[in-house]
Amino acid sequence: MSVVNRTPDSFWDRGRTYRLDAAVDAALAAAADGADWVDIGGVPFSPDTTPVSEADEIDRVVPVVERVSAGSDVVISVDTTRVAVAERALAAGASVINDTSGLADPALAELAASTGATLIITHCLAAPHAQHPRPHYDNVVAEVAAFLAARLERARDLGVRDEQIVLDPGHDLNKNTRHTLELTRRFGEIVALGLPTLAAVSNKDFIGEALGRERDERTYGSVVAATWCIQQGARVIRMHDTRAAVDTVRLCAAIAGTREPAYERHNL
């Protein structure tokens, strides 16, 4: 999953893909570089950024979805916690709802059930785009797993089928660096819930704090974290650097024996 943020103040690209043409070009380039899907968002996750109205979020996201859908068969997900935004994006060509709020609004599950869209359920304790200072866990992995299991049951009760659901333990979301390192170390316990699991590790603060690296120096750390999660069963990795992510996934698959080499010349 490659990330395209149509925001002027996202933590990673700082507005590089805010213009409509830039966002569309970035999404199509990610697809050309081997991304299986692109995740399009119009609201920064951080609560420290300027609030974005529902109407503005629709204006940011839907035109990108329309143009990418018309220009590529790449899977498109919409990163939103608002039902109206998800509904408009699905109508424009998206097929995945990436809800980082942990179903704070159960209507997102109802929308997935009625449309057949894939639904990503993420562990998140705070309200959408709200602070959750100094989070505490007695056992972060067990508590994240219990949260996701409960939200999974809620989605099922609302009519979402298991084959529509992806689980995301929420690296860094309402967690400090030690929490996220523990969650990454024991990622397989989240995978054991039995549904496809997403690892959104790219350029996160836990990587910067663990390595002492600033925002623009976290690609290697992101690749290592993604590889660790893949080895424990991650089915999707959400990354900003598409080429690095594609090479990571493809080489892990080649080593595991689930992907053939692109070509064979050496010692032949």
C-alpha atoms as a PDB file:
ATOM      1  CA  MET A   1       0.000   0.000   0.000  1.00  0.00           C
ATOM      2  CA  SER A   2       1.536   3.265  -1.156  1.00  0.00           C
ATOM      3  CA  VAL A   3       0.574   6.521   0.564  1.00  0.00           C
ATOM      4  CA  VAL A   4      -0.681   9.640  -1.219  1.00  0.00           C
ATOM      5  CA  ASN A   5      -1.616  12.552   1.038  1.00  0.00           C
ATOM      6  CA  ARG A   6      -3.531  15.414  -0.539  1.00  0.00           C
ATOM      7  CA  THR A   7      -2.761  17.700   2.362  1.00  0.00           C
ATOM      8  CA  PRO A   8      -0.602  20.812   2.703  1.00  0.00           C
ATOM      9  CA  ASP A   9       0.692  19.821   6.144  1.00  0.00           C
ATOM     10  CA  SER A  10       1.184  16.044   6.351  1.00  0.00           C
ATOM     11  CA  PHE A  11       4.142  14.988   8.487  1.00  0.00           C
ATOM     12  CA  TRP A  12       5.923  13.234   5.628  1.00  0.00           C
ATOM     13  CA  ASP A  13       5.583  15.086   2.322  1.00  0.00           C
ATOM     14  CA  ARG A  14       4.806  18.584   3.672  1.00  0.00           C
ATOM     15  CA  GLY A  15       2.427  19.366   0.817  1.00  0.00           C
ATOM     16  CA  ARG A  16       4.407  17.793  -2.036  1.00  0.00           C
ATOM     17  CA  THR A  17       1.264  16.023  -3.309  1.00  0.00           C
ATOM     18  CA  TYR A  18      -1.303  18.620  -2.265  1.00  0.00           C
ATOM     19  CA  ARG A  19      -2.043  19.898  -5.777  1.00  0.00           C
ATOM     20  CA  LEU A  20      -4.532  17.702  -7.612  1.00  0.00           C
ATOM     21  CA  ASP A  21      -2.200  16.942 -10.517  1.00  0.00           C
ATOM     22  CA  ALA A  22       0.657  16.140  -8.123  1.00  0.00           C
ATOM     23  CA  ALA A  23      -1.512  13.758  -6.101  1.00  0.00           C
ATOM     24  CA  VAL A  24      -2.779  11.957  -9.209  1.00  0.00           C
ATOM     25  CA  ASP A  25       0.724  11.738 -10.685  1.00  0.00           C
ATOM     26  CA  ALA A  26       2.085  10.339  -7.405  1.00  0.00           C
ATOM     27  CA  ALA A  27      -0.615   7.675  -7.254  1.00  0.00           C
ATOM     28  CA  LEU A  28      -0.119   6.612 -10.862  1.00  0.00           C
ATOM     29  CA  ALA A  29       3.663   6.590 -10.405  1.00  0.00           C
ATOM     30  CA  ALA A  30       3.277   4.370  -7.332  1.00  0.00           C
ATOM     31  CA  ALA A  31       1.184   1.945  -9.374  1.00  0.00           C
ATOM     32  CA  ALA A  32       3.795   1.967 -12.145  1.00  0.00           C
ATOM     33  CA  ASP A  33       6.490   1.248  -9.540  1.00  0.00           C
ATOM     34  CA  GLY A  34       4.635  -1.876  -8.420  1.00  0.00           C
ATOM     35  CA  ALA A  35       2.271  -0.773  -5.660  1.00  0.00           C
ATOM     36  CA  ASP A  36      -0.741  -3.078  -5.394  1.00  0.00           C
ATOM     37  CA  TRP A  37      -2.883  -0.263  -4.076  1.00  0.00           C
ATOM     38  CA  VAL A  38      -2.696   3.404  -3.162  1.00  0.00           C
ATOM     39  CA  ASP A  39      -4.103   4.917   0.019  1.00  0.00           C
ATOM     40  CA  ILE A  40      -5.454   8.422  -0.551  1.00  0.00           C
ATOM     41  CA  GLY A  41      -6.049  10.770   2.364  1.00  0.00           C
ATOM     42  CA  GLY A  42      -7.167  14.365   2.699  1.00  0.00           C
ATOM     43  CA  VAL A  43      -6.725  14.961   6.440  1.00  0.00           C
ATOM     44  CA  PRO A  44      -3.422  14.719   8.351  1.00  0.00           C
ATOM     45  CA  PHE A  45      -3.600  12.296  11.261  1.00  0.00           C
ATOM     46  CA  SER A  46      -1.951  14.699  13.678  1.00  0.00           C
ATOM     47  CA  PRO A  47      -4.353  16.800  15.793  1.00  0.00           C
ATOM     48  CA  ASP A  48      -1.799  19.611  15.672  1.00  0.00           C
ATOM     49  CA  THR A  49      -2.659  20.443  12.059  1.00  0.00           C
ATOM     50  CA  THR A  50      -5.369  22.763  10.738  1.00  0.00           C
ATOM     51  CA  PRO A  51      -8.861  21.194  11.008  1.00  0.00           C
ATOM     52  CA  VAL A  52     -10.397  20.077   7.717  1.00  0.00           C
ATOM     53  CA  SER A  53     -14.149  20.193   7.159  1.00  0.00           C
ATOM     54  CA  GLU A  54     -16.038  17.262   5.704  1.00  0.00           C
ATOM     55  CA  ALA A  55     -16.734  19.221   2.523  1.00  0.00           C
ATOM     56  CA  ASP A  56     -13.064  20.137   2.119  1.00  0.00           C
ATOM     57  CA  GLU A  57     -12.003  16.530   2.707  1.00  0.00           C
ATOM     58  CA  ILE A  58     -14.377  15.382  -0.047  1.00  0.00           C
ATOM     59  CA  ASP A  59     -13.022  18.075  -2.384  1.00  0.00           C
ATOM     60  CA  ARG A  60      -9.478  16.900  -1.692  1.00  0.00           C
ATOM     61  CA  VAL A  61     -10.012  13.153  -1.975  1.00  0.00           C
ATOM     62  CA  VAL A  62     -12.752  12.415  -4.498  1.00  0.00           C
ATOM     63  CA  PRO A  63     -11.171  14.076  -7.580  1.00  0.00           C
ATOM     64  CA  VAL A  64      -7.964  12.100  -6.962  1.00  0.00           C
ATOM     65  CA  VAL A  65      -9.891   8.850  -6.670  1.00  0.00           C
ATOM     66  CA  GLU A  66     -11.826   9.591  -9.861  1.00  0.00           C
ATOM     67  CA  ARG A  67      -8.733  10.299 -11.930  1.00  0.00           C
ATOM     68  CA  VAL A  68      -6.630   7.447 -10.549  1.00  0.00           C
ATOM     69  CA  SER A  69      -9.504   5.030 -11.044  1.00  0.00           C
ATOM     70  CA  ALA A  70      -9.853   6.183 -14.650  1.00  0.00           C
ATOM     71  CA  GLY A  71      -6.119   5.903 -15.313  1.00  0.00           C
ATOM     72  CA  SER A  72      -5.189   2.667 -13.549  1.00  0.00           C
ATOM     73  CA  ASP A  73      -6.579  -0.603 -12.230  1.00  0.00           C
ATOM     74  CA  VAL A  74      -4.628  -0.208  -8.958  1.00  0.00           C
ATOM     75  CA  VAL A  75      -6.683  -0.821  -5.811  1.00  0.00           C
ATOM     76  CA  ILE A  76      -7.651   2.484  -4.193  1.00  0.00           C
ATOM     77  CA  SER A  77      -8.311   2.958  -0.489  1.00  0.00           C
ATOM     78  CA  VAL A  78      -9.571   6.114   1.159  1.00  0.00           C
ATOM     79  CA  ASP A  79      -7.995   7.066   4.482  1.00  0.00           C
ATOM     80  CA  THR A  80     -10.900   8.632   6.346  1.00  0.00           C
ATOM     81  CA  THR A  81     -12.995   8.404   9.497  1.00  0.00           C
ATOM     82  CA  ARG A  82     -16.048  10.083   7.918  1.00  0.00           C
ATOM     83  CA  VAL A  83     -18.882   8.122   6.373  1.00  0.00           C
ATOM     84  CA  ALA A  84     -19.791  10.778   3.799  1.00  0.00           C
ATOM     85  CA  VAL A  85     -16.200  10.947   2.559  1.00  0.00           C
ATOM     86  CA  ALA A  86     -15.946   7.153   2.310  1.00  0.00           C
ATOM     87  CA  GLU A  87     -19.284   6.950   0.515  1.00  0.00           C
ATOM     88  CA  ARG A  88     -18.275   9.520  -2.095  1.00  0.00           C
ATOM     89  CA  ALA A  89     -14.846   7.917  -2.560  1.00  0.00           C
ATOM     90  CA  LEU A  90     -16.355   4.464  -3.098  1.00  0.00           C
ATOM     91  CA  ALA A  91     -18.732   5.901  -5.675  1.00  0.00           C
ATOM     92  CA  ALA A  92     -15.730   7.495  -7.416  1.00  0.00           C
ATOM     93  CA  GLY A  93     -13.815   4.220  -7.706  1.00  0.00           C
ATOM     94  CA  ALA A  94     -12.245   3.356  -4.350  1.00  0.00           C
ATOM     95  CA  SER A  95     -12.815  -0.150  -2.991  1.00  0.00           C
ATOM     96  CA  VAL A  96     -11.242   0.042   0.484  1.00  0.00           C
ATOM     97  CA  ILE A  97     -12.144   2.106   3.568  1.00  0.00           C
ATOM     98  CA  ASN A  98      -9.063   2.705   5.702  1.00  0.00           C
ATOM     99  CA  ASP A  99     -10.560   3.713   9.059  1.00  0.00           C
ATOM    100  CA  THR A 100      -7.826   4.678  11.516  1.00  0.00           C
ATOM    101  CA  SER A 101     -10.325   5.376  14.305  1.00  0.00           C
ATOM    102  CA  GLY A 102     -11.133   1.776  15.247  1.00  0.00           C
ATOM    103  CA  LEU A 103     -14.771   2.098  14.147  1.00  0.00           C
ATOM    104  CA  ALA A 104     -15.424   5.181  16.248  1.00  0.00           C
ATOM    105  CA  ASP A 105     -18.349   5.554  13.855  1.00  0.00           C
ATOM    106  CA  PRO A 106     -19.953   2.119  13.320  1.00  0.00           C
ATOM    107  CA  ALA A 107     -21.651   3.525  10.215  1.00  0.00           C
ATOM    108  CA  LEU A 108     -18.374   2.926   8.376  1.00  0.00           C
ATOM    109  CA  ALA A 109     -18.879  -0.789   8.957  1.00  0.00           C
ATOM    110  CA  GLU A 110     -22.471  -0.489   7.789  1.00  0.00           C
ATOM    111  CA  LEU A 111     -21.224   1.214   4.620  1.00  0.00           C
ATOM    112  CA  ALA A 112     -18.721  -1.573   4.010  1.00  0.00           C
ATOM    113  CA  ALA A 113     -21.443  -4.160   4.540  1.00  0.00           C
ATOM    114  CA  SER A 114     -23.820  -2.497   2.081  1.00  0.00           C
ATOM    115  CA  THR A 115     -21.215  -1.876  -0.632  1.00  0.00           C
ATOM    116  CA  GLY A 116     -18.923  -4.884  -0.272  1.00  0.00           C
ATOM    117  CA  ALA A 117     -15.923  -2.610   0.259  1.00  0.00           C
ATOM    118  CA  THR A 118     -12.894  -3.843   2.166  1.00  0.00           C
ATOM    119  CA  LEU A 119     -12.675  -2.349   5.665  1.00  0.00           C
ATOM    120  CA  ILE A 120      -9.421  -1.752   7.533  1.00  0.00           C
ATOM    121  CA  ILE A 121      -9.975  -1.736  11.300  1.00  0.00           C
ATOM    122  CA  THR A 122      -7.193  -0.015  13.240  1.00  0.00           C
ATOM    123  CA  HIS A 123      -6.403   0.010  16.936  1.00  0.00           C
ATOM    124  CA  CYS A 124      -6.889   3.572  18.181  1.00  0.00           C
ATOM    125  CA  LEU A 125      -7.949   4.714  21.650  1.00  0.00           C
ATOM    126  CA  ALA A 126      -8.522   8.416  21.027  1.00  0.00           C
ATOM    127  CA  ALA A 127     -11.297  10.091  19.075  1.00  0.00           C
ATOM    128  CA  PRO A 128     -10.356  10.872  15.467  1.00  0.00           C
ATOM    129  CA  HIS A 129      -7.550  13.431  15.283  1.00  0.00           C
ATOM    130  CA  ALA A 130      -7.485  13.895  19.059  1.00  0.00           C
ATOM    131  CA  GLN A 131      -4.548  13.727  21.464  1.00  0.00           C
ATOM    132  CA  HIS A 132      -4.061  10.777  23.810  1.00  0.00           C
ATOM    133  CA  PRO A 133      -1.103  11.819  25.975  1.00  0.00           C
ATOM    134  CA  ARG A 134       0.972   9.344  27.973  1.00  0.00           C
ATOM    135  CA  PRO A 135      -0.892   6.149  26.977  1.00  0.00           C
ATOM    136  CA  HIS A 136      -0.627   3.269  29.451  1.00  0.00           C
ATOM    137  CA  TYR A 137      -0.859  -0.468  28.823  1.00  0.00           C
ATOM    138  CA  ASP A 138      -0.254  -3.367  31.166  1.00  0.00           C
ATOM    139  CA  ASN A 139       0.317  -5.643  28.165  1.00  0.00           C
ATOM    140  CA  VAL A 140       0.207  -3.633  24.946  1.00  0.00           C
ATOM    141  CA  VAL A 141      -0.006  -6.590  22.550  1.00  0.00           C
ATOM    142  CA  ALA A 142      -2.720  -8.400  24.482  1.00  0.00           C
ATOM    143  CA  GLU A 143      -4.741  -5.189  24.839  1.00  0.00           C
ATOM    144  CA  VAL A 144      -4.396  -4.277  21.159  1.00  0.00           C
ATOM    145  CA  ALA A 145      -5.413  -7.818  20.175  1.00  0.00           C
ATOM    146  CA  ALA A 146      -8.455  -7.679  22.490  1.00  0.00           C
ATOM    147  CA  PHE A 147      -9.491  -4.297  21.067  1.00  0.00           C
ATOM    148  CA  LEU A 148      -9.240  -5.550  17.483  1.00  0.00           C
ATOM    149  CA  ALA A 149     -11.116  -8.745  18.326  1.00  0.00           C
ATOM    150  CA  ALA A 150     -13.945  -6.691  19.846  1.00  0.00           C
ATOM    151  CA  ARG A 151     -14.113  -4.338  16.849  1.00  0.00           C
ATOM    152  CA  LEU A 152     -14.050  -7.336  14.538  1.00  0.00           C
ATOM    153  CA  GLU A 153     -17.129  -8.730  16.282  1.00  0.00           C
ATOM    154  CA  ARG A 154     -18.820  -5.331  16.012  1.00  0.00           C
ATOM    155  CA  ALA A 155     -18.142  -5.255  12.264  1.00  0.00           C
ATOM    156  CA  ARG A 156     -19.457  -8.800  11.872  1.00  0.00           C
ATOM    157  CA  ASP A 157     -22.607  -7.892  13.791  1.00  0.00           C
ATOM    158  CA  LEU A 158     -23.137  -5.017  11.352  1.00  0.00           C
ATOM    159  CA  GLY A 159     -22.916  -7.346   8.379  1.00  0.00           C
ATOM    160  CA  VAL A 160     -19.276  -7.128   7.293  1.00  0.00           C
ATOM    161  CA  ARG A 161     -17.903 -10.472   6.123  1.00  0.00           C
ATOM    162  CA  ASP A 162     -14.499 -11.705   7.290  1.00  0.00           C
ATOM    163  CA  GLU A 163     -13.166 -11.689   3.733  1.00  0.00           C
ATOM    164  CA  GLN A 164     -13.759  -7.913   3.642  1.00  0.00           C
ATOM    165  CA  ILE A 165     -11.708  -7.126   6.749  1.00  0.00           C
ATOM    166  CA  VAL A 166      -8.062  -6.192   7.282  1.00  0.00           C
ATOM    167  CA  LEU A 167      -6.714  -5.566  10.798  1.00  0.00           C
ATOM    168  CA  ASP A 168      -4.128  -2.909  11.672  1.00  0.00           C
ATOM    169  CA  PRO A 169      -2.574  -2.795  15.173  1.00  0.00           C
ATOM    170  CA  GLY A 170      -1.825   0.895  14.718  1.00  0.00           C
ATOM    171  CA  HIS A 171       1.908   1.409  15.055  1.00  0.00           C
ATOM    172  CA  ASP A 172       2.498   4.601  17.082  1.00  0.00           C
ATOM    173  CA  LEU A 173      -1.231   5.406  17.307  1.00  0.00           C
ATOM    174  CA  ASN A 174      -1.799   6.200  21.002  1.00  0.00           C
ATOM    175  CA  LYS A 175       1.401   4.314  21.777  1.00  0.00           C
ATOM    176  CA  ASN A 176       4.887   5.419  22.749  1.00  0.00           C
ATOM    177  CA  THR A 177       8.048   4.040  21.154  1.00  0.00           C
ATOM    178  CA  ARG A 178       8.466   1.193  23.659  1.00  0.00           C
ATOM    179  CA  HIS A 179       4.848   0.157  23.125  1.00  0.00           C
ATOM    180  CA  THR A 180       5.310   0.113  19.357  1.00  0.00           C
ATOM    181  CA  LEU A 181       8.598  -1.772  19.501  1.00  0.00           C
ATOM    182  CA  GLU A 182       6.901  -4.419  21.650  1.00  0.00           C
ATOM    183  CA  LEU A 183       3.960  -4.553  19.255  1.00  0.00           C
ATOM    184  CA  THR A 184       6.318  -4.973  16.305  1.00  0.00           C
ATOM    185  CA  ARG A 185       8.369  -7.637  18.106  1.00  0.00           C
ATOM    186  CA  ARG A 186       5.206  -9.656  18.795  1.00  0.00           C
ATOM    187  CA  PHE A 187       3.374  -8.801  15.578  1.00  0.00           C
ATOM    188  CA  GLY A 188       2.601 -12.471  15.046  1.00  0.00           C
ATOM    189  CA  GLU A 189       0.179 -12.370  17.974  1.00  0.00           C
ATOM    190  CA  ILE A 190      -1.953  -9.894  16.021  1.00  0.00           C
ATOM    191  CA  VAL A 191      -1.702 -12.039  12.909  1.00  0.00           C
ATOM    192  CA  ALA A 192      -2.963 -14.939  15.033  1.00  0.00           C
ATOM    193  CA  LEU A 193      -6.393 -13.259  15.135  1.00  0.00           C
ATOM    194  CA  GLY A 194      -6.754 -14.955  11.779  1.00  0.00           C
ATOM    195  CA  LEU A 195      -7.448 -12.117   9.336  1.00  0.00           C
ATOM    196  CA  PRO A 196      -5.112 -10.276   6.941  1.00  0.00           C
ATOM    197  CA  THR A 197      -2.994  -7.865   8.957  1.00  0.00           C
ATOM    198  CA  LEU A 198      -1.534  -4.529   7.869  1.00  0.00           C
ATOM    199  CA  ALA A 199       1.733  -3.043   9.131  1.00  0.00           C
ATOM    200  CA  ALA A 200       1.773   0.755   8.845  1.00  0.00           C
ATOM    201  CA  VAL A 201       5.370   1.302   9.921  1.00  0.00           C
ATOM    202  CA  SER A 202       6.672   3.773   7.365  1.00  0.00           C
ATOM    203  CA  ASN A 203       8.722   6.656   8.786  1.00  0.00           C
ATOM    204  CA  LYS A 204       6.958   6.440  12.135  1.00  0.00           C
ATOM    205  CA  ASP A 205       8.344   8.139  15.236  1.00  0.00           C
ATOM    206  CA  PHE A 206       9.216   4.809  16.856  1.00  0.00           C
ATOM    207  CA  ILE A 207      11.766   4.309  14.078  1.00  0.00           C
ATOM    208  CA  GLY A 208      13.161   7.806  14.474  1.00  0.00           C
ATOM    209  CA  GLU A 209      13.425   7.491  18.250  1.00  0.00           C
ATOM    210  CA  ALA A 210      14.866   3.978  18.155  1.00  0.00           C
ATOM    211  CA  LEU A 211      17.586   4.984  15.666  1.00  0.00           C
ATOM    212  CA  GLY A 212      18.011   8.677  16.415  1.00  0.00           C
ATOM    213  CA  ARG A 213      16.945   9.562  12.881  1.00  0.00           C
ATOM    214  CA  GLU A 214      14.992  12.566  11.672  1.00  0.00           C
ATOM    215  CA  ARG A 215      11.938  12.346   9.429  1.00  0.00           C
ATOM    216  CA  ASP A 216      13.873  12.223   6.139  1.00  0.00           C
ATOM    217  CA  GLU A 217      16.305   9.538   7.353  1.00  0.00           C
ATOM    218  CA  ARG A 218      13.970   6.652   8.217  1.00  0.00           C
ATOM    219  CA  THR A 219      13.714   4.637   4.987  1.00  0.00           C
ATOM    220  CA  TYR A 220      16.162   1.908   6.054  1.00  0.00           C
ATOM    221  CA  GLY A 221      14.492   1.613   9.428  1.00  0.00           C
ATOM    222  CA  SER A 222      11.087   1.430   7.740  1.00  0.00           C
ATOM    223  CA  VAL A 223      12.293  -1.410   5.507  1.00  0.00           C
ATOM    224  CA  VAL A 224      13.643  -3.353   8.481  1.00  0.00           C
ATOM    225  CA  ALA A 225      10.408  -2.902  10.450  1.00  0.00           C
ATOM    226  CA  ALA A 226       8.333  -3.934   7.429  1.00  0.00           C
ATOM    227  CA  THR A 227      10.519  -7.004   6.858  1.00  0.00           C
ATOM    228  CA  TRP A 228      10.155  -8.050  10.504  1.00  0.00           C
ATOM    229  CA  CYS A 229       6.376  -7.791  10.227  1.00  0.00           C
ATOM    230  CA  ILE A 230       6.279  -9.649   6.903  1.00  0.00           C
ATOM    231  CA  GLN A 231       8.244 -12.521   8.435  1.00  0.00           C
ATOM    232  CA  GLN A 232       5.572 -12.760  11.124  1.00  0.00           C
ATOM    233  CA  GLY A 233       2.716 -12.812   8.651  1.00  0.00           C
ATOM    234  CA  ALA A 234       1.854  -9.235   7.642  1.00  0.00           C
ATOM    235  CA  ARG A 235      -0.147  -9.298   4.419  1.00  0.00           C
ATOM    236  CA  VAL A 236       0.014  -5.561   3.666  1.00  0.00           C
ATOM    237  CA  ILE A 237       2.660  -2.954   4.404  1.00  0.00           C
ATOM    238  CA  ARG A 238       1.798   0.740   4.204  1.00  0.00           C
ATOM    239  CA  MET A 239       4.858   2.644   2.972  1.00  0.00           C
ATOM    240  CA  HIS A 240       5.775   6.048   1.566  1.00  0.00           C
ATOM    241  CA  ASP A 241       8.774   4.898  -0.514  1.00  0.00           C
ATOM    242  CA  THR A 242       7.085   2.648  -3.063  1.00  0.00           C
ATOM    243  CA  ARG A 243      10.193   1.236  -4.728  1.00  0.00           C
ATOM    244  CA  ALA A 244      11.802   0.327  -1.425  1.00  0.00           C
ATOM    245  CA  ALA A 245       8.541  -1.268  -0.274  1.00  0.00           C
ATOM    246  CA  VAL A 246       8.039  -3.238  -3.485  1.00  0.00           C
ATOM    247  CA  ASP A 247      11.595  -4.586  -3.356  1.00  0.00           C
ATOM    248  CA  THR A 248      11.126  -5.499   0.309  1.00  0.00           C
ATOM    249  CA  VAL A 249       7.927  -7.443  -0.340  1.00  0.00           C
ATOM    250  CA  ARG A 250       9.170  -9.140  -3.497  1.00  0.00           C
ATOM    251  CA  LEU A 251      12.478 -10.267  -2.019  1.00  0.00           C
ATOM    252  CA  CYS A 252      10.783 -11.552   1.133  1.00  0.00           C
ATOM    253  CA  ALA A 253       8.416 -13.513  -1.107  1.00  0.00           C
ATOM    254  CA  ALA A 254      11.299 -14.837  -3.251  1.00  0.00           C
ATOM    255  CA  ILE A 255      13.188 -16.014  -0.157  1.00  0.00           C
ATOM    256  CA  ALA A 256      10.005 -17.624   1.180  1.00  0.00           C
ATOM    257  CA  GLY A 257       9.537 -19.406  -2.145  1.00  0.00           C
ATOM    258  CA  THR A 258       6.191 -17.789  -2.951  1.00  0.00           C
ATOM    259  CA  ARG A 259       7.515 -15.604  -5.809  1.00  0.00           C
ATOM    260  CA  GLU A 260       9.626 -16.603  -8.793  1.00  0.00           C
ATOM    261  CA  PRO A 261      12.780 -14.587  -9.587  1.00  0.00           C
ATOM    262  CA  ALA A 262      12.269 -11.820 -12.134  1.00  0.00           C
ATOM    263  CA  TYR A 263      14.984 -13.439 -14.246  1.00  0.00           C
ATOM    264  CA  GLU A 264      17.774 -16.024 -13.885  1.00  0.00           C
ATOM    265  CA  ARG A 265      21.298 -15.532 -15.313  1.00  0.00           C
ATOM    266  CA  HIS A 266      23.751 -16.061 -12.491  1.00  0.00           C
ATOM    267  CA  ASN A 267      25.866 -19.221 -12.949  1.00  0.00           C
ATOM    268  CA  LEU A 268      23.625 -20.462 -15.745  1.00  0.00           C
END
